[in-house]
């Protein structure tokens, strides 16, 4: 499944958090096999929102929507950050 180009804001967040290599690796894995075990791809609750995530590393996850069999990543989040 193809990942659409990400926003400049997300590119900057990836750079600020030194995730460039992890992003490229996870993106490649996802595009070849969205269900690759190391990505831990999942549909988040509530499911009706259609928000999915995959793992960049133990701390960061990419949140995305699927539209026309393409993934649109809209956020990189700290998986363990308390709100």
C-alpha atoms as a PDB file:
ATOM      1  CA  UNK A   1       0.000   0.000   0.000  1.00  0.00           C
ATOM      2  CA  UNK A   2       1.369   3.393  -0.977  1.00  0.00           C
ATOM      3  CA  UNK A   3       1.920   6.136   1.599  1.00  0.00           C
ATOM      4  CA  UNK A   4       1.045   9.572   0.251  1.00  0.00           C
ATOM      5  CA  UNK A   5       3.666  12.337   0.640  1.00  0.00           C
ATOM      6  CA  UNK A   6       3.686  13.771   4.159  1.00  0.00           C
ATOM      7  CA  UNK A   7       3.314  17.439   5.090  1.00  0.00           C
ATOM      8  CA  UNK A   8       6.249  19.745   5.710  1.00  0.00           C
ATOM      9  CA  UNK A   9       5.155  19.942   9.357  1.00  0.00           C
ATOM     10  CA  UNK A  10       5.491  16.166   9.723  1.00  0.00           C
ATOM     11  CA  UNK A  11       8.830  16.169   7.918  1.00  0.00           C
ATOM     12  CA  UNK A  12      10.067  18.743  10.428  1.00  0.00           C
ATOM     13  CA  UNK A  13       8.772  16.680  13.366  1.00  0.00           C
ATOM     14  CA  UNK A  14      10.613  13.615  12.031  1.00  0.00           C
ATOM     15  CA  UNK A  15      13.838  15.634  11.799  1.00  0.00           C
ATOM     16  CA  UNK A  16      13.395  17.248  15.244  1.00  0.00           C
ATOM     17  CA  UNK A  17      12.927  13.841  16.865  1.00  0.00           C
ATOM     18  CA  UNK A  18      15.746  12.232  14.852  1.00  0.00           C
ATOM     19  CA  UNK A  19      13.405   9.693  13.279  1.00  0.00           C
ATOM     20  CA  UNK A  20      14.565   9.971   9.643  1.00  0.00           C
ATOM     21  CA  UNK A  21      16.009   6.446   9.384  1.00  0.00           C
ATOM     22  CA  UNK A  22      13.198   4.891  11.391  1.00  0.00           C
ATOM     23  CA  UNK A  23      10.595   6.685   9.248  1.00  0.00           C
ATOM     24  CA  UNK A  24      12.176   5.479   6.000  1.00  0.00           C
ATOM     25  CA  UNK A  25      12.447   1.900   7.279  1.00  0.00           C
ATOM     26  CA  UNK A  26       8.862   1.790   8.588  1.00  0.00           C
ATOM     27  CA  UNK A  27       7.558   3.440   5.408  1.00  0.00           C
ATOM     28  CA  UNK A  28       9.315   0.860   3.244  1.00  0.00           C
ATOM     29  CA  UNK A  29       8.043  -2.040   5.363  1.00  0.00           C
ATOM     30  CA  UNK A  30       4.509  -0.645   5.284  1.00  0.00           C
ATOM     31  CA  UNK A  31       4.498  -0.135   1.529  1.00  0.00           C
ATOM     32  CA  UNK A  32       5.654  -3.719   0.958  1.00  0.00           C
ATOM     33  CA  UNK A  33       3.496  -5.296   3.682  1.00  0.00           C
ATOM     34  CA  UNK A  34       1.186  -3.093   5.807  1.00  0.00           C
ATOM     35  CA  UNK A  35       0.792  -5.963   8.262  1.00  0.00           C
ATOM     36  CA  UNK A  36       4.501  -6.562   8.824  1.00  0.00           C
ATOM     37  CA  UNK A  37       4.809  -7.784  12.453  1.00  0.00           C
ATOM     38  CA  UNK A  38       7.334  -5.134  13.524  1.00  0.00           C
ATOM     39  CA  UNK A  39       4.947  -2.330  12.510  1.00  0.00           C
ATOM     40  CA  UNK A  40       2.159  -3.517  14.810  1.00  0.00           C
ATOM     41  CA  UNK A  41      -0.377  -1.880  12.489  1.00  0.00           C
ATOM     42  CA  UNK A  42      -3.756  -1.432  14.142  1.00  0.00           C
ATOM     43  CA  UNK A  43      -7.133   0.237  13.814  1.00  0.00           C
ATOM     44  CA  UNK A  44      -7.535   2.559  16.787  1.00  0.00           C
ATOM     45  CA  UNK A  45     -10.588   2.985  18.997  1.00  0.00           C
ATOM     46  CA  UNK A  46     -13.194   4.174  18.313  1.00  0.00           C
ATOM     47  CA  UNK A  47     -13.042   2.153  15.122  1.00  0.00           C
ATOM     48  CA  UNK A  48     -15.714   4.183  13.334  1.00  0.00           C
ATOM     49  CA  UNK A  49     -13.218   7.071  13.011  1.00  0.00           C
ATOM     50  CA  UNK A  50     -11.028   4.949  10.719  1.00  0.00           C
ATOM     51  CA  UNK A  51      -7.729   6.036  12.282  1.00  0.00           C
ATOM     52  CA  UNK A  52      -4.936   3.463  11.990  1.00  0.00           C
ATOM     53  CA  UNK A  53      -1.406   3.465  13.347  1.00  0.00           C
ATOM     54  CA  UNK A  54       1.921   1.774  12.757  1.00  0.00           C
ATOM     55  CA  UNK A  55       5.033   1.757  14.883  1.00  0.00           C
ATOM     56  CA  UNK A  56       8.186   3.716  14.027  1.00  0.00           C
ATOM     57  CA  UNK A  57       9.903   2.538  17.208  1.00  0.00           C
ATOM     58  CA  UNK A  58       8.928   1.746  20.785  1.00  0.00           C
ATOM     59  CA  UNK A  59       8.100   5.384  21.464  1.00  0.00           C
ATOM     60  CA  UNK A  60       6.664   6.817  18.230  1.00  0.00           C
ATOM     61  CA  UNK A  61       3.734   5.834  16.043  1.00  0.00           C
ATOM     62  CA  UNK A  62       2.425   7.169  12.729  1.00  0.00           C
ATOM     63  CA  UNK A  63      -1.318   7.824  12.579  1.00  0.00           C
ATOM     64  CA  UNK A  64      -3.037   7.508   9.218  1.00  0.00           C
ATOM     65  CA  UNK A  65      -6.267   7.206   7.266  1.00  0.00           C
ATOM     66  CA  UNK A  66      -6.757   4.877   4.319  1.00  0.00           C
ATOM     67  CA  UNK A  67      -8.377   6.405   1.229  1.00  0.00           C
ATOM     68  CA  UNK A  68      -8.594   4.608  -2.113  1.00  0.00           C
ATOM     69  CA  UNK A  69      -6.032   2.022  -0.957  1.00  0.00           C
ATOM     70  CA  UNK A  70      -3.488   4.730  -0.073  1.00  0.00           C
ATOM     71  CA  UNK A  71      -2.357   5.693   3.424  1.00  0.00           C
ATOM     72  CA  UNK A  72      -2.337   9.346   4.428  1.00  0.00           C
ATOM     73  CA  UNK A  73      -0.144   9.870   7.495  1.00  0.00           C
ATOM     74  CA  UNK A  74      -1.439  12.907   9.371  1.00  0.00           C
ATOM     75  CA  UNK A  75       0.467  12.702  12.668  1.00  0.00           C
ATOM     76  CA  UNK A  76       3.538  11.242  14.353  1.00  0.00           C
ATOM     77  CA  UNK A  77       2.771  10.726  18.030  1.00  0.00           C
ATOM     78  CA  UNK A  78       4.585   9.847  21.200  1.00  0.00           C
ATOM     79  CA  UNK A  79       2.881   6.545  22.006  1.00  0.00           C
ATOM     80  CA  UNK A  80       3.384   6.862  25.758  1.00  0.00           C
ATOM     81  CA  UNK A  81       2.703  10.550  26.252  1.00  0.00           C
ATOM     82  CA  UNK A  82      -0.028  11.216  28.814  1.00  0.00           C
ATOM     83  CA  UNK A  83      -2.621  13.730  27.744  1.00  0.00           C
END
